[in-house]
Amino acid sequence: MICRERNWYNIVREFEHKIAVITGAAKGIGLAITRQLGEKGAHVCLLDQDEEALRKAGELLDSAGISHEYAIVDITSEEEVKYVFSKLADKHQKIDILVNNAGITKDNLIYKMTSNEWTKVMDVHLKGSFLCSKYAQEWMVKNNYGRIINLSSVSALGNKGQSNYAAAKAGIQGFTKTLAIELGKYNITVNAIAPGFIVTDMTKAVAERMNISFEELKESKISQIPVKRAGTPEDVANAACFFASESSSFVSGQVLYVAGGPKQ
């Protein structure tokens, strides 16, 4: 039997020389995506508002030998986003990968929800993704290459107490499909990931708001998941790396549900 030898180094370091920008990168899903892209060779640029979390993330990446830099930025501020992306692009002369991951929740039933709770969630998810994509795509178009990955959610299909979050995450899906149409001719793919129940600080906070233990919440959610386990940030990072890779170069405008079973 003749076996073809494979270059495993190239497979492992598939993002060598790529510049990846990840929002909400200091913790949870964002940090998992950041770490996987970095482990596979990308120079990762972490954007977040939490300075202490960014510092800790930087220490973790240092210990793993991952090339990185970070910036404290409010992605709902066009002035701040424009400044940070211009600095990154001037330094590296390109932005190859953008992951719009930053997100918040302000859950409430519709009759209790305030205008501020609605607006804040919309601004972070939709305005933030719009601004980062707007300034990243300028360099992607110049270089005729890019990968934009947006984080949606299964909540886009509707979830009690999350009219703001569900609307924002559904909007992300429409935003993704539209950018895929607009930017495809520049060799830029745009896709979305819709995670299901993932064990993060955000989901732990949900349990606190419900006045139940996180284990109770987790067991309740697992009972509804076909594969009978909760998701991890690494599960979402695996999907992000696929969309960032050359393996997905003919995949654009798609929404991948990383939820342990059918959600549509």
C-alpha atoms as a PDB file:
ATOM      1  CA  MET A   1       0.000   0.000   0.000  1.00  0.00           C
ATOM      2  CA  ILE A   2       1.323   3.455  -0.931  1.00  0.00           C
ATOM      3  CA  CYS A   3       0.517   6.322   1.435  1.00  0.00           C
ATOM      4  CA  ARG A   4       0.904   9.929   0.434  1.00  0.00           C
ATOM      5  CA  GLU A   5       2.937  11.877   2.974  1.00  0.00           C
ATOM      6  CA  ARG A   6       1.121  14.945   4.323  1.00  0.00           C
ATOM      7  CA  ASN A   7       2.695  18.154   5.509  1.00  0.00           C
ATOM      8  CA  TRP A   8       1.317  18.191   9.039  1.00  0.00           C
ATOM      9  CA  TYR A   9       3.150  21.401   9.919  1.00  0.00           C
ATOM     10  CA  ASN A  10       1.190  23.294   7.249  1.00  0.00           C
ATOM     11  CA  ILE A  11      -2.050  21.790   8.514  1.00  0.00           C
ATOM     12  CA  VAL A  12      -1.366  22.728  12.122  1.00  0.00           C
ATOM     13  CA  ARG A  13      -0.115  26.230  11.223  1.00  0.00           C
ATOM     14  CA  GLU A  14      -2.749  26.948   8.591  1.00  0.00           C
ATOM     15  CA  PHE A  15      -3.158  30.581   9.686  1.00  0.00           C
ATOM     16  CA  GLU A  16       0.553  31.420   9.575  1.00  0.00           C
ATOM     17  CA  HIS A  17       1.047  35.084   8.557  1.00  0.00           C
ATOM     18  CA  LYS A  18      -2.677  35.839   8.986  1.00  0.00           C
ATOM     19  CA  ILE A  19      -3.860  38.800  11.064  1.00  0.00           C
ATOM     20  CA  ALA A  20      -7.008  37.980  13.042  1.00  0.00           C
ATOM     21  CA  VAL A  21      -9.098  40.487  14.994  1.00  0.00           C
ATOM     22  CA  ILE A  22     -11.525  39.135  17.574  1.00  0.00           C
ATOM     23  CA  THR A  23     -14.010  41.247  19.542  1.00  0.00           C
ATOM     24  CA  GLY A  24     -15.061  40.253  23.047  1.00  0.00           C
ATOM     25  CA  ALA A  25     -11.839  38.270  23.021  1.00  0.00           C
ATOM     26  CA  ALA A  26     -10.843  38.356  26.682  1.00  0.00           C
ATOM     27  CA  LYS A  27     -13.094  35.578  27.987  1.00  0.00           C
ATOM     28  CA  GLY A  28     -15.342  32.680  27.113  1.00  0.00           C
ATOM     29  CA  ILE A  29     -16.066  31.928  23.473  1.00  0.00           C
ATOM     30  CA  GLY A  30     -14.005  34.891  22.265  1.00  0.00           C
ATOM     31  CA  LEU A  31     -10.895  33.725  24.111  1.00  0.00           C
ATOM     32  CA  ALA A  32     -11.330  30.143  22.891  1.00  0.00           C
ATOM     33  CA  ILE A  33     -11.541  31.359  19.280  1.00  0.00           C
ATOM     34  CA  THR A  34      -8.564  33.640  19.826  1.00  0.00           C
ATOM     35  CA  ARG A  35      -6.474  30.846  21.271  1.00  0.00           C
ATOM     36  CA  GLN A  36      -7.288  28.343  18.512  1.00  0.00           C
ATOM     37  CA  LEU A  37      -6.519  30.836  15.757  1.00  0.00           C
ATOM     38  CA  GLY A  38      -3.271  31.723  17.532  1.00  0.00           C
ATOM     39  CA  GLU A  39      -2.265  28.110  18.057  1.00  0.00           C
ATOM     40  CA  LYS A  40      -2.703  27.593  14.319  1.00  0.00           C
ATOM     41  CA  GLY A  41      -0.326  30.408  13.492  1.00  0.00           C
ATOM     42  CA  ALA A  42      -2.373  33.615  13.341  1.00  0.00           C
ATOM     43  CA  HIS A  43      -1.255  36.846  14.961  1.00  0.00           C
ATOM     44  CA  VAL A  44      -4.321  37.576  17.098  1.00  0.00           C
ATOM     45  CA  CYS A  45      -5.578  41.035  18.027  1.00  0.00           C
ATOM     46  CA  LEU A  46      -7.872  40.996  21.041  1.00  0.00           C
ATOM     47  CA  LEU A  47     -10.506  43.738  21.391  1.00  0.00           C
ATOM     48  CA  ASP A  48     -12.458  44.048  24.631  1.00  0.00           C
ATOM     49  CA  GLN A  49     -13.593  46.576  27.229  1.00  0.00           C
ATOM     50  CA  ASP A  50     -12.423  44.564  30.243  1.00  0.00           C
ATOM     51  CA  GLU A  51      -8.835  45.651  30.869  1.00  0.00           C
ATOM     52  CA  GLU A  52      -8.154  43.140  33.635  1.00  0.00           C
ATOM     53  CA  ALA A  53      -9.547  40.246  31.588  1.00  0.00           C
ATOM     54  CA  LEU A  54      -7.434  41.353  28.620  1.00  0.00           C
ATOM     55  CA  ARG A  55      -4.323  41.363  30.795  1.00  0.00           C
ATOM     56  CA  LYS A  56      -5.052  37.824  32.008  1.00  0.00           C
ATOM     57  CA  ALA A  57      -5.789  36.663  28.468  1.00  0.00           C
ATOM     58  CA  GLY A  58      -2.490  38.163  27.363  1.00  0.00           C
ATOM     59  CA  GLU A  59      -0.641  36.218  30.043  1.00  0.00           C
ATOM     60  CA  LEU A  60      -2.365  33.006  28.926  1.00  0.00           C
ATOM     61  CA  LEU A  61      -1.409  33.607  25.291  1.00  0.00           C
ATOM     62  CA  ASP A  62       2.157  34.461  26.310  1.00  0.00           C
ATOM     63  CA  SER A  63       2.462  31.153  28.148  1.00  0.00           C
ATOM     64  CA  ALA A  64       1.237  29.352  25.020  1.00  0.00           C
ATOM     65  CA  GLY A  65       3.721  31.192  22.795  1.00  0.00           C
ATOM     66  CA  ILE A  66       0.959  32.849  20.766  1.00  0.00           C
ATOM     67  CA  SER A  67       1.716  36.099  18.915  1.00  0.00           C
ATOM     68  CA  HIS A  68      -0.809  38.699  20.034  1.00  0.00           C
ATOM     69  CA  GLU A  69      -1.698  42.257  20.922  1.00  0.00           C
ATOM     70  CA  TYR A  70      -4.776  43.776  22.497  1.00  0.00           C
ATOM     71  CA  ALA A  71      -6.703  47.010  22.741  1.00  0.00           C
ATOM     72  CA  ILE A  72      -9.402  48.326  25.060  1.00  0.00           C
ATOM     73  CA  VAL A  73     -12.216  49.493  22.817  1.00  0.00           C
ATOM     74  CA  ASP A  74     -15.936  50.206  22.936  1.00  0.00           C
ATOM     75  CA  ILE A  75     -17.162  48.654  19.685  1.00  0.00           C
ATOM     76  CA  THR A  76     -20.318  50.806  19.762  1.00  0.00           C
ATOM     77  CA  SER A  77     -18.173  53.926  19.333  1.00  0.00           C
ATOM     78  CA  GLU A  78     -17.341  54.606  15.684  1.00  0.00           C
ATOM     79  CA  GLU A  79     -14.493  56.898  16.690  1.00  0.00           C
ATOM     80  CA  GLU A  80     -12.837  54.190  18.797  1.00  0.00           C
ATOM     81  CA  VAL A  81     -13.390  51.412  16.254  1.00  0.00           C
ATOM     82  CA  LYS A  82     -12.070  53.500  13.374  1.00  0.00           C
ATOM     83  CA  TYR A  83      -8.971  54.452  15.384  1.00  0.00           C
ATOM     84  CA  VAL A  84      -8.144  50.896  16.491  1.00  0.00           C
ATOM     85  CA  PHE A  85      -8.635  49.348  13.060  1.00  0.00           C
ATOM     86  CA  SER A  86      -6.599  52.066  11.378  1.00  0.00           C
ATOM     87  CA  LYS A  87      -3.743  51.463  13.835  1.00  0.00           C
ATOM     88  CA  LEU A  88      -3.868  47.694  13.328  1.00  0.00           C
ATOM     89  CA  ALA A  89      -4.046  47.992   9.550  1.00  0.00           C
ATOM     90  CA  ASP A  90      -1.259  50.571   9.382  1.00  0.00           C
ATOM     91  CA  LYS A  91       0.944  48.283  11.452  1.00  0.00           C
ATOM     92  CA  HIS A  92       0.234  45.027   9.614  1.00  0.00           C
ATOM     93  CA  GLN A  93      -0.924  46.365   6.223  1.00  0.00           C
ATOM     94  CA  LYS A  94      -3.811  43.910   6.270  1.00  0.00           C
ATOM     95  CA  ILE A  95      -6.610  42.364   8.265  1.00  0.00           C
ATOM     96  CA  ASP A  96      -7.329  38.801   7.153  1.00  0.00           C
ATOM     97  CA  ILE A  97      -9.862  37.526   9.666  1.00  0.00           C
ATOM     98  CA  LEU A  98     -12.512  39.345  11.704  1.00  0.00           C
ATOM     99  CA  VAL A  99     -14.567  37.576  14.355  1.00  0.00           C
ATOM    100  CA  ASN A 100     -17.498  39.660  15.599  1.00  0.00           C
ATOM    101  CA  ASN A 101     -17.994  37.884  18.898  1.00  0.00           C
ATOM    102  CA  ALA A 102     -18.645  40.629  21.481  1.00  0.00           C
ATOM    103  CA  GLY A 103     -22.054  40.388  23.066  1.00  0.00           C
ATOM    104  CA  ILE A 104     -24.136  41.135  26.131  1.00  0.00           C
ATOM    105  CA  THR A 105     -27.527  40.152  27.514  1.00  0.00           C
ATOM    106  CA  LYS A 106     -30.123  42.368  29.189  1.00  0.00           C
ATOM    107  CA  ASP A 107     -32.915  39.847  29.621  1.00  0.00           C
ATOM    108  CA  ASN A 108     -36.444  40.827  30.544  1.00  0.00           C
ATOM    109  CA  LEU A 109     -40.012  40.096  29.564  1.00  0.00           C
ATOM    110  CA  ILE A 110     -41.306  42.605  27.041  1.00  0.00           C
ATOM    111  CA  TYR A 111     -43.570  44.423  29.503  1.00  0.00           C
ATOM    112  CA  LYS A 112     -40.627  44.930  31.870  1.00  0.00           C
ATOM    113  CA  MET A 113     -37.922  45.671  29.301  1.00  0.00           C
ATOM    114  CA  THR A 114     -36.633  49.221  29.261  1.00  0.00           C
ATOM    115  CA  SER A 115     -35.617  51.180  26.184  1.00  0.00           C
ATOM    116  CA  ASN A 116     -32.065  51.191  27.516  1.00  0.00           C
ATOM    117  CA  GLU A 117     -32.024  47.382  27.798  1.00  0.00           C
ATOM    118  CA  TRP A 118     -33.242  47.128  24.223  1.00  0.00           C
ATOM    119  CA  THR A 119     -30.855  49.726  22.812  1.00  0.00           C
ATOM    120  CA  LYS A 120     -27.741  48.504  24.619  1.00  0.00           C
ATOM    121  CA  VAL A 121     -28.129  44.951  23.317  1.00  0.00           C
ATOM    122  CA  MET A 122     -28.820  46.185  19.784  1.00  0.00           C
ATOM    123  CA  ASP A 123     -25.818  48.509  19.857  1.00  0.00           C
ATOM    124  CA  VAL A 124     -23.291  45.921  21.021  1.00  0.00           C
ATOM    125  CA  HIS A 125     -24.417  43.133  18.698  1.00  0.00           C
ATOM    126  CA  LEU A 126     -25.560  44.961  15.579  1.00  0.00           C
ATOM    127  CA  LYS A 127     -23.868  48.347  15.614  1.00  0.00           C
ATOM    128  CA  GLY A 128     -20.640  46.792  16.912  1.00  0.00           C
ATOM    129  CA  SER A 129     -20.598  44.134  14.200  1.00  0.00           C
ATOM    130  CA  PHE A 130     -21.434  46.757  11.567  1.00  0.00           C
ATOM    131  CA  LEU A 131     -18.648  49.128  12.627  1.00  0.00           C
ATOM    132  CA  CYS A 132     -15.961  46.450  12.928  1.00  0.00           C
ATOM    133  CA  SER A 133     -16.937  44.908   9.598  1.00  0.00           C
ATOM    134  CA  LYS A 134     -17.023  48.312   7.911  1.00  0.00           C
ATOM    135  CA  TYR A 135     -13.450  49.186   8.889  1.00  0.00           C
ATOM    136  CA  ALA A 136     -12.037  45.657   8.510  1.00  0.00           C
ATOM    137  CA  GLN A 137     -13.444  45.153   5.011  1.00  0.00           C
ATOM    138  CA  GLU A 138     -11.622  48.223   3.703  1.00  0.00           C
ATOM    139  CA  TRP A 139      -8.329  46.340   4.061  1.00  0.00           C
ATOM    140  CA  MET A 140      -9.807  43.017   3.015  1.00  0.00           C
ATOM    141  CA  VAL A 141     -11.000  44.605  -0.232  1.00  0.00           C
ATOM    142  CA  LYS A 142      -7.569  46.185  -0.802  1.00  0.00           C
ATOM    143  CA  ASN A 143      -5.897  42.810  -0.406  1.00  0.00           C
ATOM    144  CA  ASN A 144      -8.637  40.844  -2.200  1.00  0.00           C
ATOM    145  CA  TYR A 145      -8.942  38.450   0.737  1.00  0.00           C
ATOM    146  CA  GLY A 146     -10.923  38.184   3.936  1.00  0.00           C
ATOM    147  CA  ARG A 147     -12.892  36.070   6.350  1.00  0.00           C
ATOM    148  CA  ILE A 148     -15.643  37.647   8.464  1.00  0.00           C
ATOM    149  CA  ILE A 149     -17.245  35.436  11.098  1.00  0.00           C
ATOM    150  CA  ASN A 150     -20.243  36.708  13.063  1.00  0.00           C
ATOM    151  CA  LEU A 151     -21.624  35.194  16.251  1.00  0.00           C
ATOM    152  CA  SER A 152     -25.368  34.676  16.204  1.00  0.00           C
ATOM    153  CA  SER A 153     -27.261  32.352  18.568  1.00  0.00           C
ATOM    154  CA  VAL A 154     -30.037  29.767  18.669  1.00  0.00           C
ATOM    155  CA  SER A 155     -31.941  32.542  20.438  1.00  0.00           C
ATOM    156  CA  ALA A 156     -32.365  34.073  16.972  1.00  0.00           C
ATOM    157  CA  LEU A 157     -35.202  31.542  16.634  1.00  0.00           C
ATOM    158  CA  GLY A 158     -36.937  33.038  19.683  1.00  0.00           C
ATOM    159  CA  ASN A 159     -36.432  32.714  23.426  1.00  0.00           C
ATOM    160  CA  LYS A 160     -38.625  33.859  26.299  1.00  0.00           C
ATOM    161  CA  GLY A 161     -37.318  36.977  28.030  1.00  0.00           C
ATOM    162  CA  GLN A 162     -34.874  37.769  25.242  1.00  0.00           C
ATOM    163  CA  SER A 163     -36.789  39.831  22.689  1.00  0.00           C
ATOM    164  CA  ASN A 164     -33.835  42.234  22.425  1.00  0.00           C
ATOM    165  CA  TYR A 165     -31.167  39.513  22.206  1.00  0.00           C
ATOM    166  CA  ALA A 166     -33.225  37.336  19.838  1.00  0.00           C
ATOM    167  CA  ALA A 167     -33.880  40.273  17.522  1.00  0.00           C
ATOM    168  CA  ALA A 168     -30.199  41.243  17.543  1.00  0.00           C
ATOM    169  CA  LYS A 169     -29.009  37.703  16.833  1.00  0.00           C
ATOM    170  CA  ALA A 170     -31.570  37.278  14.051  1.00  0.00           C
ATOM    171  CA  GLY A 171     -30.324  40.583  12.667  1.00  0.00           C
ATOM    172  CA  ILE A 172     -26.785  39.210  12.677  1.00  0.00           C
ATOM    173  CA  GLN A 173     -27.931  36.444  10.345  1.00  0.00           C
ATOM    174  CA  GLY A 174     -29.442  38.891   7.855  1.00  0.00           C
ATOM    175  CA  PHE A 175     -26.359  41.091   8.150  1.00  0.00           C
ATOM    176  CA  THR A 176     -24.151  38.075   7.422  1.00  0.00           C
ATOM    177  CA  LYS A 177     -26.040  37.055   4.288  1.00  0.00           C
ATOM    178  CA  THR A 178     -26.055  40.622   2.967  1.00  0.00           C
ATOM    179  CA  LEU A 179     -22.307  41.117   3.473  1.00  0.00           C
ATOM    180  CA  ALA A 180     -21.677  37.775   1.769  1.00  0.00           C
ATOM    181  CA  ILE A 181     -23.466  39.118  -1.305  1.00  0.00           C
ATOM    182  CA  GLU A 182     -21.725  42.495  -1.241  1.00  0.00           C
ATOM    183  CA  LEU A 183     -18.186  41.315  -0.531  1.00  0.00           C
ATOM    184  CA  GLY A 184     -17.985  37.976  -2.325  1.00  0.00           C
ATOM    185  CA  LYS A 185     -16.430  39.459  -5.467  1.00  0.00           C
ATOM    186  CA  TYR A 186     -13.452  40.569  -3.377  1.00  0.00           C
ATOM    187  CA  ASN A 187     -12.681  37.005  -2.237  1.00  0.00           C
ATOM    188  CA  ILE A 188     -14.208  37.760   1.168  1.00  0.00           C
ATOM    189  CA  THR A 189     -16.453  35.158   2.777  1.00  0.00           C
ATOM    190  CA  VAL A 190     -18.911  36.057   5.514  1.00  0.00           C
ATOM    191  CA  ASN A 191     -20.510  33.400   7.705  1.00  0.00           C
ATOM    192  CA  ALA A 192     -22.226  33.137  11.074  1.00  0.00           C
ATOM    193  CA  ILE A 193     -22.131  30.697  13.962  1.00  0.00           C
ATOM    194  CA  ALA A 194     -25.217  30.193  16.108  1.00  0.00           C
ATOM    195  CA  PRO A 195     -24.187  28.506  19.371  1.00  0.00           C
ATOM    196  CA  GLY A 196     -26.651  26.642  21.522  1.00  0.00           C
ATOM    197  CA  PHE A 197     -26.120  26.138  25.253  1.00  0.00           C
ATOM    198  CA  ILE A 198     -22.431  26.819  25.888  1.00  0.00           C
ATOM    199  CA  VAL A 199     -20.831  26.767  29.336  1.00  0.00           C
ATOM    200  CA  THR A 200     -19.539  30.324  29.848  1.00  0.00           C
ATOM    201  CA  ASP A 201     -19.680  33.078  32.447  1.00  0.00           C
ATOM    202  CA  MET A 202     -22.637  34.515  30.521  1.00  0.00           C
ATOM    203  CA  THR A 203     -24.708  31.342  30.875  1.00  0.00           C
ATOM    204  CA  LYS A 204     -23.732  31.081  34.535  1.00  0.00           C
ATOM    205  CA  ALA A 205     -25.085  34.600  35.012  1.00  0.00           C
ATOM    206  CA  VAL A 206     -28.377  33.439  33.476  1.00  0.00           C
ATOM    207  CA  ALA A 207     -28.712  30.832  36.242  1.00  0.00           C
ATOM    208  CA  GLU A 208     -28.124  33.511  38.858  1.00  0.00           C
ATOM    209  CA  ARG A 209     -30.861  35.703  37.382  1.00  0.00           C
ATOM    210  CA  MET A 210     -33.217  32.705  37.425  1.00  0.00           C
ATOM    211  CA  ASN A 211     -32.343  32.042  41.082  1.00  0.00           C
ATOM    212  CA  ILE A 212     -31.275  28.478  40.368  1.00  0.00           C
ATOM    213  CA  SER A 213     -27.904  26.764  40.508  1.00  0.00           C
ATOM    214  CA  PHE A 214     -25.882  26.530  37.329  1.00  0.00           C
ATOM    215  CA  GLU A 215     -25.956  22.728  37.587  1.00  0.00           C
ATOM    216  CA  GLU A 216     -29.757  22.813  37.590  1.00  0.00           C
ATOM    217  CA  LEU A 217     -29.789  25.028  34.520  1.00  0.00           C
ATOM    218  CA  LYS A 218     -27.213  22.868  32.778  1.00  0.00           C
ATOM    219  CA  GLU A 219     -29.083  19.620  33.426  1.00  0.00           C
ATOM    220  CA  SER A 220     -32.314  21.189  32.192  1.00  0.00           C
ATOM    221  CA  LYS A 221     -30.650  22.321  28.974  1.00  0.00           C
ATOM    222  CA  ILE A 222     -28.806  19.022  28.414  1.00  0.00           C
ATOM    223  CA  SER A 223     -32.097  17.126  28.618  1.00  0.00           C
ATOM    224  CA  GLN A 224     -33.197  19.009  25.471  1.00  0.00           C
ATOM    225  CA  ILE A 225     -29.938  18.533  23.520  1.00  0.00           C
ATOM    226  CA  PRO A 226     -29.815  15.468  21.222  1.00  0.00           C
ATOM    227  CA  VAL A 227     -26.117  14.739  21.891  1.00  0.00           C
ATOM    228  CA  LYS A 228     -26.788  14.970  25.654  1.00  0.00           C
ATOM    229  CA  ARG A 229     -24.020  17.314  26.667  1.00  0.00           C
ATOM    230  CA  ALA A 230     -23.465  21.020  27.062  1.00  0.00           C
ATOM    231  CA  GLY A 231     -21.338  22.842  24.541  1.00  0.00           C
ATOM    232  CA  THR A 232     -17.935  24.320  25.280  1.00  0.00           C
ATOM    233  CA  PRO A 233     -16.270  27.470  23.947  1.00  0.00           C
ATOM    234  CA  GLU A 234     -13.887  25.164  22.083  1.00  0.00           C
ATOM    235  CA  ASP A 235     -16.819  23.698  20.149  1.00  0.00           C
ATOM    236  CA  VAL A 236     -17.597  27.159  18.816  1.00  0.00           C
ATOM    237  CA  ALA A 237     -13.904  27.862  18.182  1.00  0.00           C
ATOM    238  CA  ASN A 238     -13.720  24.738  15.988  1.00  0.00           C
ATOM    239  CA  ALA A 239     -16.469  26.154  13.787  1.00  0.00           C
ATOM    240  CA  ALA A 240     -14.807  29.573  13.673  1.00  0.00           C
ATOM    241  CA  CYS A 241     -11.532  28.034  12.520  1.00  0.00           C
ATOM    242  CA  PHE A 242     -13.361  26.188   9.754  1.00  0.00           C
ATOM    243  CA  PHE A 243     -14.919  29.414   8.480  1.00  0.00           C
ATOM    244  CA  ALA A 244     -11.532  31.154   8.739  1.00  0.00           C
ATOM    245  CA  SER A 245      -9.754  28.418   6.767  1.00  0.00           C
ATOM    246  CA  GLU A 246      -9.231  27.763   3.090  1.00  0.00           C
ATOM    247  CA  SER A 247     -11.400  24.665   3.500  1.00  0.00           C
ATOM    248  CA  SER A 248     -14.443  26.957   3.563  1.00  0.00           C
ATOM    249  CA  SER A 249     -13.455  29.215   0.664  1.00  0.00           C
ATOM    250  CA  PHE A 250     -16.613  28.236  -1.265  1.00  0.00           C
ATOM    251  CA  VAL A 251     -18.877  28.637   1.775  1.00  0.00           C
ATOM    252  CA  SER A 252     -20.364  32.087   2.367  1.00  0.00           C
ATOM    253  CA  GLY A 253     -23.553  33.602   3.741  1.00  0.00           C
ATOM    254  CA  GLN A 254     -24.210  30.528   5.879  1.00  0.00           C
ATOM    255  CA  VAL A 255     -25.362  30.104   9.477  1.00  0.00           C
ATOM    256  CA  LEU A 256     -23.934  27.082  11.290  1.00  0.00           C
ATOM    257  CA  TYR A 257     -25.836  25.994  14.395  1.00  0.00           C
ATOM    258  CA  VAL A 258     -23.356  24.637  16.935  1.00  0.00           C
ATOM    259  CA  ALA A 259     -25.995  23.331  19.272  1.00  0.00           C
ATOM    260  CA  GLY A 260     -25.715  19.557  19.603  1.00  0.00           C
ATOM    261  CA  GLY A 261     -28.650  18.893  17.285  1.00  0.00           C
ATOM    262  CA  PRO A 262     -31.199  20.418  14.875  1.00  0.00           C
ATOM    263  CA  LYS A 263     -32.424  23.903  15.697  1.00  0.00           C
ATOM    264  CA  GLN A 264     -34.201  24.796  12.444  1.00  0.00           C
END
